């Protein structure tokens, strides 16, 4: 009878050990996944900031050119009169 209890206790300890190692492995995998996702989000944020700066520079150039063309058109219209 004692052998049966010892076997049950031994099996329980083995199952508990396997369960704990499984949780530990999943925890490590989750931590690594969070680190990878965080790095990816930071990279995307950097790329978006670069894109925003490029768009701002392009917009400034476009409005400068439009202003120049507007001034040229005003000069041409004044010459016709």
C-alpha atoms as a PDB file:
ATOM      1  CA  UNK A   1       0.000   0.000   0.000  1.00  0.00           C
ATOM      2  CA  UNK A   2       2.837   2.388   0.821  1.00  0.00           C
ATOM      3  CA  UNK A   3       4.326   1.621  -2.580  1.00  0.00           C
ATOM      4  CA  UNK A   4       1.137   2.811  -4.262  1.00  0.00           C
ATOM      5  CA  UNK A   5       1.182   6.080  -2.304  1.00  0.00           C
ATOM      6  CA  UNK A   6       4.848   6.552  -3.115  1.00  0.00           C
ATOM      7  CA  UNK A   7       4.147   5.922  -6.813  1.00  0.00           C
ATOM      8  CA  UNK A   8       1.227   8.393  -6.812  1.00  0.00           C
ATOM      9  CA  UNK A   9       3.313  11.024  -4.994  1.00  0.00           C
ATOM     10  CA  UNK A  10       6.249  10.448  -7.363  1.00  0.00           C
ATOM     11  CA  UNK A  11       4.002  10.717 -10.396  1.00  0.00           C
ATOM     12  CA  UNK A  12       2.416  13.893  -8.987  1.00  0.00           C
ATOM     13  CA  UNK A  13       5.840  15.435  -8.433  1.00  0.00           C
ATOM     14  CA  UNK A  14       6.849  14.507 -11.981  1.00  0.00           C
ATOM     15  CA  UNK A  15       3.678  15.991 -13.460  1.00  0.00           C
ATOM     16  CA  UNK A  16       4.092  19.149 -11.357  1.00  0.00           C
ATOM     17  CA  UNK A  17       7.699  19.461 -12.547  1.00  0.00           C
ATOM     18  CA  UNK A  18       6.709  19.072 -16.190  1.00  0.00           C
ATOM     19  CA  UNK A  19       3.907  21.586 -15.754  1.00  0.00           C
ATOM     20  CA  UNK A  20       6.232  24.096 -14.109  1.00  0.00           C
ATOM     21  CA  UNK A  21       8.829  23.695 -16.855  1.00  0.00           C
ATOM     22  CA  UNK A  22       6.086  24.124 -19.475  1.00  0.00           C
ATOM     23  CA  UNK A  23       4.928  27.354 -17.826  1.00  0.00           C
ATOM     24  CA  UNK A  24       8.506  28.569 -17.624  1.00  0.00           C
ATOM     25  CA  UNK A  25       9.093  27.800 -21.305  1.00  0.00           C
ATOM     26  CA  UNK A  26       5.869  29.551 -22.316  1.00  0.00           C
ATOM     27  CA  UNK A  27       6.786  32.519 -20.134  1.00  0.00           C
ATOM     28  CA  UNK A  28      10.189  32.789 -21.842  1.00  0.00           C
ATOM     29  CA  UNK A  29       8.596  32.495 -25.289  1.00  0.00           C
ATOM     30  CA  UNK A  30       6.053  35.170 -24.376  1.00  0.00           C
ATOM     31  CA  UNK A  31       8.783  37.470 -23.095  1.00  0.00           C
ATOM     32  CA  UNK A  32      10.767  37.023 -26.318  1.00  0.00           C
ATOM     33  CA  UNK A  33       7.647  37.681 -28.394  1.00  0.00           C
ATOM     34  CA  UNK A  34       6.962  40.897 -26.474  1.00  0.00           C
ATOM     35  CA  UNK A  35      10.555  42.030 -27.005  1.00  0.00           C
ATOM     36  CA  UNK A  36      10.334  41.324 -30.749  1.00  0.00           C
ATOM     37  CA  UNK A  37       7.010  43.138 -31.038  1.00  0.00           C
ATOM     38  CA  UNK A  38       8.303  46.115 -29.073  1.00  0.00           C
ATOM     39  CA  UNK A  39      11.332  46.374 -31.341  1.00  0.00           C
ATOM     40  CA  UNK A  40       9.078  46.142 -34.404  1.00  0.00           C
ATOM     41  CA  UNK A  41       6.766  48.879 -33.105  1.00  0.00           C
ATOM     42  CA  UNK A  42       9.738  51.149 -32.342  1.00  0.00           C
ATOM     43  CA  UNK A  43      11.082  50.546 -35.846  1.00  0.00           C
ATOM     44  CA  UNK A  44       7.719  51.375 -37.406  1.00  0.00           C
ATOM     45  CA  UNK A  45       7.469  54.524 -35.278  1.00  0.00           C
ATOM     46  CA  UNK A  46      10.882  55.623 -36.528  1.00  0.00           C
ATOM     47  CA  UNK A  47       9.920  54.974 -40.138  1.00  0.00           C
ATOM     48  CA  UNK A  48       6.669  56.921 -39.681  1.00  0.00           C
ATOM     49  CA  UNK A  49       8.584  59.851 -38.215  1.00  0.00           C
ATOM     50  CA  UNK A  50      10.942  59.828 -41.225  1.00  0.00           C
ATOM     51  CA  UNK A  51       7.944  59.695 -43.568  1.00  0.00           C
ATOM     52  CA  UNK A  52       6.311  62.594 -41.726  1.00  0.00           C
ATOM     53  CA  UNK A  53       9.476  64.696 -42.047  1.00  0.00           C
ATOM     54  CA  UNK A  54       9.757  63.856 -45.753  1.00  0.00           C
ATOM     55  CA  UNK A  55       6.119  64.794 -46.316  1.00  0.00           C
ATOM     56  CA  UNK A  56       6.619  68.063 -44.425  1.00  0.00           C
ATOM     57  CA  UNK A  57       9.653  68.923 -46.593  1.00  0.00           C
ATOM     58  CA  UNK A  58       7.770  68.022 -49.791  1.00  0.00           C
ATOM     59  CA  UNK A  59       4.784  70.097 -48.729  1.00  0.00           C
ATOM     60  CA  UNK A  60       7.048  73.087 -48.028  1.00  0.00           C
ATOM     61  CA  UNK A  61       8.660  72.742 -51.462  1.00  0.00           C
ATOM     62  CA  UNK A  62       5.284  72.446 -53.204  1.00  0.00           C
ATOM     63  CA  UNK A  63       3.872  75.541 -51.494  1.00  0.00           C
ATOM     64  CA  UNK A  64       7.050  77.485 -52.261  1.00  0.00           C
ATOM     65  CA  UNK A  65       6.751  76.571 -55.942  1.00  0.00           C
ATOM     66  CA  UNK A  66       3.038  77.390 -55.982  1.00  0.00           C
ATOM     67  CA  UNK A  67       3.764  80.776 -54.442  1.00  0.00           C
ATOM     68  CA  UNK A  68       6.464  81.448 -57.064  1.00  0.00           C
ATOM     69  CA  UNK A  69       4.082  80.489 -59.874  1.00  0.00           C
ATOM     70  CA  UNK A  70       1.381  82.656 -58.344  1.00  0.00           C
ATOM     71  CA  UNK A  71       3.727  85.634 -58.331  1.00  0.00           C
ATOM     72  CA  UNK A  72       4.722  84.966 -61.950  1.00  0.00           C
ATOM     73  CA  UNK A  73       1.084  84.768 -62.979  1.00  0.00           C
ATOM     74  CA  UNK A  74       0.379  88.062 -61.234  1.00  0.00           C
ATOM     75  CA  UNK A  75       3.248  89.700 -63.130  1.00  0.00           C
ATOM     76  CA  UNK A  76       1.988  88.286 -66.451  1.00  0.00           C
ATOM     77  CA  UNK A  77      -1.578  89.427 -65.747  1.00  0.00           C
ATOM     78  CA  UNK A  78      -0.373  92.922 -64.900  1.00  0.00           C
ATOM     79  CA  UNK A  79       1.581  93.094 -68.162  1.00  0.00           C
ATOM     80  CA  UNK A  80      -1.549  92.340 -70.212  1.00  0.00           C
ATOM     81  CA  UNK A  81      -3.443  95.232 -68.716  1.00  0.00           C
END
